[in-house]
C-alpha cells in the first residue's frame, strides 16, 4: 500500500512514519542467517506496523532487532537517524523540500570525521532510503521522485584518501598489557581479561570474539587453535600460544544460561555487546595513560596487524591472520613499514651527497 509523502500532521511525524516503514522493509530483506530469536523480530515488526511515537522508540526497536541477530540494520538506520535529527533543525514543512543539495549539506556536517568506509555506508543508506520513498509514495496517482544518487558528493575520496588506522606502538602495548593484568573488574575480571587478550593476541574482530564457544577452542601442543565464525557466516582458524591465556581459560566461569554455549556472556547468559567491549578498552587505555583519537576495541585488531607486519613483512600472513578476503584490505598496514621509509631517507641523503 502506498501513502502520500506528507502523510502526517507535520514534517517530523511524516519523516518518522517513513523511517519506520523503511526499517520494517530492511528488517525483512536483510539476511537472517544470524537470527537467534524469531519471536523478537516478530514483536519488532508488529510494533513498527502499529507506528512509533518518536525517534527514541524507533531506535529502541532497531536495537532489539540488532541484538536478535540482524546486525546489518545499523548500517542503514544510524545514518538516517542522524539525517532525521539534522532535518529537524531546518524546520521544514514538507518532505518535498528535501533535495540532493540539502542531503549533501547535511552529510558534510555529520561525516567529516568518519572514515571513507563509514562515508560509503552513509551514502548507501541515503540512496537506499530515498529510492524506497520514490517507489512507495503516491498522491492523486502521482509519486514524488527525489532521484538522490549523490554521485557528486565530494565526501568520499576513494582509495587515494585511505586513512591510516589508529594503533598502539610496542611501548604503549606493554603499558596496555600491564594494565590488563592489574585491573580489577570485580566478578568479571577473568572473563574480561580473557576476551581482551584474545583480541589483542590474535587480531580477531570483536564480533568474532563474542561468539566464541568453549568447544571452538582446541589444544595442539603449545598452542590453542580457535575456530572463528567470521564475516559472511564463514569459518576460519586462528592460533594463540597457550601460555598467554591458559590460566584464564581454565578459570573462567561458564554461564550455562547461554543457550548457544557462548564463552563470553553476561549474568543472563546473553552475549556481550561490542559497545561493552569498547568501553572496557577505553577504560584500560585511560588507566594506562594512552591517548588515541579512536580508542574502541577495533583498535586492538589494528595494533595486532600493524605489529605483525612490522615484525614479519609478510602481507599474505597479515591477510591470513586477519581473515581478509582481499589482499588490498591488508595492504594498508604496509604504510607502517619504517624500514622502507628509512631506506628512502638514505637514498635521498646519498643523492644530496653526490651533488656536492
Protein backbone atom coordinates (compact mmCIF):
# COMPACT_ATOMS: atom_id res chain seq x y z
CA UNK A 1 0.00 0.00 0.00
CA UNK A 2 1.27 3.46 -0.94
CA UNK A 3 0.85 6.66 1.10
CA UNK A 4 1.07 10.41 0.44
CA UNK A 5 4.57 11.72 1.12
CA UNK A 6 3.36 14.18 3.76
CA UNK A 7 1.05 11.67 5.40
CA UNK A 8 1.12 13.06 8.96
CA UNK A 9 0.30 16.41 10.53
CA UNK A 10 3.85 17.80 10.39
CA UNK A 11 7.23 17.18 8.82
CA UNK A 12 8.81 15.35 11.76
CA UNK A 13 5.95 12.89 12.13
CA UNK A 14 5.80 12.28 8.38
CA UNK A 15 9.54 11.60 8.20
CA UNK A 16 9.31 9.31 11.24
CA UNK A 17 6.41 7.44 9.61
CA UNK A 18 8.51 6.74 6.51
CA UNK A 19 11.61 5.91 8.52
CA UNK A 20 9.65 3.27 10.46
CA UNK A 21 8.28 1.86 7.19
CA UNK A 22 11.78 1.71 5.76
CA UNK A 23 13.22 -0.03 8.85
CA UNK A 24 10.45 -2.63 8.63
CA UNK A 25 11.28 -3.14 4.95
CA UNK A 26 15.01 -3.58 5.68
CA UNK A 27 14.43 -5.98 8.58
CA UNK A 28 12.59 -8.31 6.26
CA UNK A 29 15.05 -8.03 3.37
CA UNK A 30 18.34 -8.45 5.26
CA UNK A 31 19.94 -11.89 5.59
CA UNK A 32 18.52 -13.76 8.59
CA UNK A 33 21.30 -16.38 8.87
CA UNK A 34 22.37 -14.90 12.22
CA UNK A 35 18.81 -14.55 13.58
CA UNK A 36 18.66 -16.10 17.05
CA UNK A 37 15.15 -15.24 18.20
CA UNK A 38 12.38 -15.07 15.56
CA UNK A 39 9.87 -14.06 18.25
CA UNK A 40 11.77 -10.83 18.91
CA UNK A 41 11.80 -9.98 15.20
CA UNK A 42 8.05 -10.64 15.04
CA UNK A 43 7.41 -8.34 18.01
CA UNK A 44 9.54 -5.59 16.43
CA UNK A 45 7.67 -5.93 13.13
CA UNK A 46 4.34 -5.71 14.97
CA UNK A 47 5.41 -2.59 16.85
CA UNK A 48 6.61 -0.96 13.62
CA UNK A 49 3.31 -1.78 11.91
CA UNK A 50 1.43 -0.11 14.76
CA UNK A 51 3.55 3.02 14.44
CA UNK A 52 6.16 4.70 16.63
CA UNK A 53 5.74 7.87 18.67
CA UNK A 54 9.27 9.26 18.45
CA UNK A 55 12.78 8.56 17.20
CA UNK A 56 13.82 7.11 20.57
CA UNK A 57 11.14 4.42 20.36
CA UNK A 58 12.25 3.56 16.83
CA UNK A 59 15.88 3.46 17.95
CA UNK A 60 14.95 1.05 20.74
CA UNK A 61 13.17 -1.27 18.30
CA UNK A 62 16.16 -1.25 15.95
CA UNK A 63 18.44 -2.21 18.85
CA UNK A 64 16.15 -5.12 19.72
CA UNK A 65 16.31 -6.34 16.13
CA UNK A 66 20.08 -5.91 16.03
CA UNK A 67 20.56 -7.84 19.27
CA UNK A 68 18.41 -10.67 17.92
CA UNK A 69 20.96 -11.16 15.14
CA UNK A 70 20.11 -8.65 12.39
CA UNK A 71 23.19 -6.51 12.98
CA UNK A 72 23.17 -5.15 9.42
CA UNK A 73 20.17 -2.94 10.18
CA UNK A 74 22.51 -0.47 11.93
CA UNK A 75 24.32 0.27 8.67
CA UNK A 76 21.08 1.63 7.27
CA UNK A 77 19.38 3.09 10.32
CA UNK A 78 22.13 5.05 12.09
CA UNK A 79 22.88 7.41 9.15
CA UNK A 80 19.15 8.05 8.68
CA UNK A 81 18.69 8.72 12.38
CA UNK A 82 21.40 11.39 12.08
CA UNK A 83 19.69 12.78 8.98
CA UNK A 84 16.38 12.98 10.86
CA UNK A 85 17.97 14.81 13.79
CA UNK A 86 19.59 17.39 11.50
CA UNK A 87 16.49 17.87 9.36
CA UNK A 88 14.52 18.77 12.48
CA UNK A 89 16.72 21.86 12.88
CA UNK A 90 15.71 23.06 9.41
CA UNK A 91 12.02 23.45 10.38
CA UNK A 92 10.77 22.09 7.06
CA UNK A 93 7.04 21.84 6.39
CA UNK A 94 7.15 19.14 3.69
CA UNK A 95 9.33 16.17 2.73
CA UNK A 96 9.21 17.55 -0.80
CA UNK A 97 11.62 20.27 0.32
CA UNK A 98 14.37 17.68 0.66
CA UNK A 99 16.66 17.56 -2.36
CA UNK A 100 20.14 16.27 -3.12
CA UNK A 101 21.77 19.61 -2.32
CA UNK A 102 20.28 19.57 1.20
CA UNK A 103 21.29 15.95 1.79
CA UNK A 104 24.87 16.71 0.71
CA UNK A 105 24.93 19.76 3.00
CA UNK A 106 23.90 17.62 5.98
CA UNK A 107 26.31 14.80 5.05
CA UNK A 108 29.16 17.32 5.05
CA UNK A 109 28.30 18.14 8.67
CA UNK A 110 27.79 14.64 10.04
CA UNK A 111 30.52 12.66 8.27
CA UNK A 112 33.53 14.97 8.45
CA UNK A 113 35.46 12.87 10.99
CA UNK A 114 34.39 9.47 9.63
CA UNK A 115 36.47 7.01 7.63
CA UNK A 116 35.88 6.51 3.91
CA UNK A 117 34.23 3.16 4.65
CA UNK A 118 31.73 4.82 7.01
CA UNK A 119 31.05 7.57 4.49
CA UNK A 120 30.25 4.94 1.89
CA UNK A 121 27.81 3.36 4.34
CA UNK A 122 26.12 6.75 4.79
CA UNK A 123 25.87 7.18 1.04
CA UNK A 124 24.35 3.72 0.57
CA UNK A 125 21.84 4.32 3.37
CA UNK A 126 20.73 7.68 1.91
CA UNK A 127 20.35 6.38 -1.64
CA UNK A 128 18.53 3.27 -0.47
CA UNK A 129 16.11 5.20 1.72
CA UNK A 130 15.14 7.80 -0.87
CA UNK A 131 14.83 5.12 -3.53
CA UNK A 132 12.37 3.41 -1.17
CA UNK A 133 10.45 6.68 -0.85
CA UNK A 134 10.41 7.14 -4.64
CA UNK A 135 8.65 3.80 -5.02
CA UNK A 136 6.31 3.91 -2.03
CA UNK A 137 4.80 7.40 -2.01
CA UNK A 138 1.76 8.30 -4.11
CA UNK A 139 -0.89 11.01 -4.09
CA UNK A 140 -3.52 11.54 -6.76
CA UNK A 141 -1.90 8.66 -8.67
CA UNK A 142 1.40 10.54 -8.80
CA UNK A 143 4.66 9.89 -6.98
CA UNK A 144 7.18 12.46 -5.84
CA UNK A 145 10.62 11.39 -7.13
CA UNK A 146 13.64 12.52 -5.12
CA UNK A 147 16.19 10.98 -7.52
CA UNK A 148 19.00 11.24 -4.98
CA UNK A 149 22.14 9.42 -6.14
CA UNK A 150 24.94 11.51 -4.53
CA UNK A 151 27.26 11.00 -7.49
CA UNK A 152 28.73 14.44 -6.97
CA UNK A 153 29.17 14.19 -3.21
CA UNK A 154 32.81 15.00 -2.51
CA UNK A 155 32.81 13.34 0.90
CA UNK A 156 34.11 10.04 -0.48
CA UNK A 157 37.63 10.30 -1.82
CA UNK A 158 38.17 6.65 -2.65
CA UNK A 159 41.45 4.80 -2.32
CA UNK A 160 43.54 7.96 -2.69
CA UNK A 161 42.31 9.17 0.71
CA UNK A 162 42.72 5.99 2.74
CA UNK A 163 43.08 6.79 6.42
CA UNK A 164 45.76 5.01 8.39
CA UNK A 165 44.19 3.05 11.25
CA UNK A 166 44.84 4.00 14.86
CA UNK A 167 47.14 1.55 16.69
CA UNK A 168 49.42 1.18 19.71
CA UNK A 169 53.18 1.07 19.33
CA UNK A 170 55.22 -1.56 21.20
CA UNK A 171 55.83 0.64 24.26
CA UNK A 172 52.14 1.52 24.52
CA UNK A 173 51.20 -2.13 24.12
CA UNK A 174 53.42 -3.04 27.09
CA UNK A 175 51.60 -0.46 29.22
CA UNK A 176 48.25 -1.72 27.99
CA UNK A 177 49.05 -5.37 28.81
CA UNK A 178 50.32 -4.37 32.27
CA UNK A 179 47.06 -2.52 32.88
CA UNK A 180 45.01 -5.56 31.85
CA UNK A 181 46.88 -7.69 34.40
CA UNK A 182 46.35 -5.17 37.20
CA UNK A 183 42.75 -4.10 36.63
CA UNK A 184 40.03 -5.49 38.87
CA UNK A 185 36.73 -5.96 37.01
CA UNK A 186 35.11 -7.35 40.17
CA UNK A 187 33.32 -10.63 39.35
CA UNK A 188 34.14 -10.33 35.64
CA UNK A 189 37.93 -9.93 35.82
CA UNK A 190 38.87 -13.30 34.29
CA UNK A 191 36.21 -13.06 31.57
CA UNK A 192 37.16 -9.52 30.57
CA UNK A 193 40.90 -10.17 30.67
CA UNK A 194 40.47 -13.26 28.50
CA UNK A 195 38.40 -11.64 25.74
CA UNK A 196 40.67 -8.58 25.54
CA UNK A 197 43.78 -10.77 25.34
CA UNK A 198 42.22 -12.97 22.67
CA UNK A 199 41.54 -9.91 20.53
CA UNK A 200 44.94 -8.28 21.01
CA UNK A 201 46.93 -11.52 20.56
CA UNK A 202 45.03 -12.91 17.54
CA UNK A 203 43.63 -9.82 15.81
CA UNK A 204 40.12 -11.26 15.64
CA UNK A 205 37.17 -8.90 15.31
CA UNK A 206 35.14 -8.06 18.41
CA UNK A 207 32.08 -9.56 16.71
CA UNK A 208 34.04 -12.80 16.26
CA UNK A 209 35.32 -12.86 19.85
CA UNK A 210 31.91 -12.52 21.49
CA UNK A 211 30.62 -15.57 19.60
CA UNK A 212 33.39 -17.98 20.61
CA UNK A 213 32.22 -21.18 22.32
CA UNK A 214 34.36 -23.34 24.58
CA UNK A 215 34.10 -26.21 22.09
CA UNK A 216 35.62 -23.94 19.41
CA UNK A 217 38.95 -24.00 21.30
CA UNK A 218 41.27 -27.00 20.94
CA UNK A 219 44.77 -27.78 22.19
CA UNK A 220 47.60 -28.51 19.79
CA UNK A 221 50.95 -28.95 21.56
CA UNK A 222 51.83 -25.50 22.94
CA UNK A 223 49.01 -23.77 21.00
CA UNK A 224 45.31 -23.24 21.20
CA UNK A 225 43.54 -23.37 17.84
CA UNK A 226 40.30 -21.42 17.81
CA UNK A 227 37.55 -21.90 15.24
CA UNK A 228 36.14 -18.47 14.41
CA UNK A 229 32.83 -17.70 12.76
CA UNK A 230 33.82 -14.80 10.52
CA UNK A 231 32.04 -12.38 8.19
CA UNK A 232 29.51 -13.86 5.78
CA UNK A 233 28.90 -16.82 8.12
CA UNK A 234 32.24 -18.31 7.03
CA UNK A 235 34.69 -20.08 9.32
CA UNK A 236 38.43 -19.73 9.79
CA UNK A 237 41.04 -20.75 12.38
CA UNK A 238 43.37 -18.61 14.49
CA UNK A 239 46.12 -19.75 16.86
CA UNK A 240 47.46 -18.42 20.13
CA UNK A 241 50.26 -19.64 22.41
CA UNK A 242 48.76 -21.49 25.39
CA UNK A 243 50.91 -19.63 27.91
CA UNK A 244 49.21 -16.34 27.02
CA UNK A 245 45.70 -17.36 28.12
CA UNK A 246 45.87 -20.85 29.66
CA UNK A 247 45.26 -19.82 33.29
CA UNK A 248 42.41 -17.52 32.31
CA UNK A 249 40.78 -20.17 30.15
CA UNK A 250 40.99 -22.79 32.91
CA UNK A 251 39.47 -20.47 35.50
CA UNK A 252 36.73 -18.72 33.55
CA UNK A 253 33.26 -19.37 34.97
CA UNK A 254 30.98 -20.98 32.43
CA UNK A 255 27.48 -19.50 32.43
CA UNK A 256 25.21 -22.35 31.43
CA UNK A 257 22.29 -19.95 30.89
CA UNK A 258 23.76 -19.26 27.46
CA UNK A 259 21.57 -21.17 25.01
CA UNK A 260 24.35 -21.03 22.40
CA UNK A 261 27.03 -22.21 24.88
CA UNK A 262 28.94 -18.96 24.36
CA UNK A 263 32.10 -18.34 26.38
CA UNK A 264 31.63 -14.60 26.89
CA UNK A 265 28.18 -13.79 28.27
CA UNK A 266 26.57 -11.63 30.94
CA UNK A 267 24.72 -12.80 34.05
CA UNK A 268 21.62 -13.61 32.00
CA UNK A 269 23.56 -15.75 29.54
CA UNK A 270 23.32 -13.17 26.76
CA UNK A 271 26.40 -12.45 24.60
CA UNK A 272 28.48 -9.41 25.48
CA UNK A 273 27.96 -6.48 23.13
CA UNK A 274 30.60 -4.77 21.02
CA UNK A 275 29.90 -1.47 22.80
CA UNK A 276 30.59 -3.13 26.18
CA UNK A 277 33.96 -4.43 24.97
CA UNK A 278 34.83 -0.99 23.57
CA UNK A 279 34.02 0.61 26.94
CA UNK A 280 36.42 -1.82 28.65
CA UNK A 281 39.16 -0.94 26.16
CA UNK A 282 38.55 2.79 26.67
CA UNK A 283 38.86 2.36 30.44
CA UNK A 284 42.07 0.34 30.11
CA UNK A 285 43.61 2.91 27.78
CA UNK A 286 42.68 5.71 30.18
CA UNK A 287 44.25 3.94 33.17
CA UNK A 288 47.35 3.13 31.09
CA UNK A 289 47.72 6.80 30.18
CA UNK A 290 47.37 6.06 26.46
CA UNK A 291 45.51 8.63 24.37
CA UNK A 292 44.18 7.69 20.94
CA UNK A 293 41.85 9.52 18.57
CA UNK A 294 39.93 6.27 18.09
CA UNK A 295 40.11 4.18 21.24
CA UNK A 296 37.49 1.49 20.66
CA UNK A 297 38.08 -2.25 20.70
CA UNK A 298 38.70 -2.41 16.93
CA UNK A 299 41.93 -0.51 17.55
CA UNK A 300 43.31 -3.70 19.15
CA UNK A 301 42.90 -5.53 15.84
CA UNK A 302 44.77 -2.75 14.05
CA UNK A 303 47.54 -2.97 16.65
CA UNK A 304 47.95 -6.72 16.12
CA UNK A 305 48.00 -6.34 12.33
CA UNK A 306 50.46 -3.43 12.38
CA UNK A 307 52.96 -5.14 14.69
CA UNK A 308 52.60 -8.42 12.79
CA UNK A 309 53.53 -6.75 9.51
CA UNK A 310 56.37 -4.75 11.07
CA UNK A 311 57.90 -7.94 12.52
CA UNK A 312 57.36 -10.32 9.58
CA UNK A 313 57.00 -8.07 6.49
CA UNK A 314 54.59 -10.68 5.12
CA UNK A 315 51.38 -9.24 3.66
CA UNK A 316 49.93 -12.67 2.92
CA UNK A 317 50.43 -13.60 6.57
CA UNK A 318 48.51 -10.49 7.64
CA UNK A 319 45.72 -11.36 5.22
CA UNK A 320 45.50 -14.93 6.55
CA UNK A 321 45.72 -13.93 10.22
CA UNK A 322 43.04 -11.25 9.96
CA UNK A 323 40.75 -13.19 7.64
CA UNK A 324 40.72 -10.54 4.92
CA UNK A 325 39.01 -11.65 1.73
CA UNK A 326 41.21 -9.35 -0.35
CA UNK A 327 44.92 -8.62 -0.13
CA UNK A 328 44.08 -4.97 -0.82
CA UNK A 329 42.35 -4.77 2.58
CA UNK A 330 45.57 -5.91 4.29
CA UNK A 331 47.75 -3.59 2.20
CA UNK A 332 47.02 -0.58 4.42
CA UNK A 333 49.40 -1.99 7.04
CA UNK A 334 52.33 -1.64 4.65
CA UNK A 335 52.15 2.09 5.38
CA UNK A 336 53.91 1.35 8.66
CA UNK A 337 57.00 -0.19 7.06
CA UNK A 338 59.50 2.20 8.66
CA UNK A 339 62.50 0.27 7.31
CA UNK A 340 61.45 1.17 3.78
CA UNK A 341 60.96 4.80 4.81
CA UNK A 342 64.44 4.81 6.33
CA UNK A 343 65.80 3.38 3.09
CA UNK A 344 64.09 6.17 1.18
CA UNK A 345 65.68 8.70 3.53
CA UNK A 346 69.14 7.17 2.91
CA UNK A 347 68.63 7.30 -0.85
CA UNK A 348 67.70 10.97 -0.61
CA UNK A 349 70.80 11.66 1.52
CA UNK A 350 73.05 9.82 -0.96
CA UNK A 351 71.55 11.83 -3.81
CA UNK A 352 72.26 15.05 -1.93
CA UNK A 353 75.83 13.97 -1.10
CA UNK A 354 76.54 13.17 -4.75
CA UNK A 355 75.62 16.71 -5.73
CA UNK A 356 78.38 18.19 -3.56
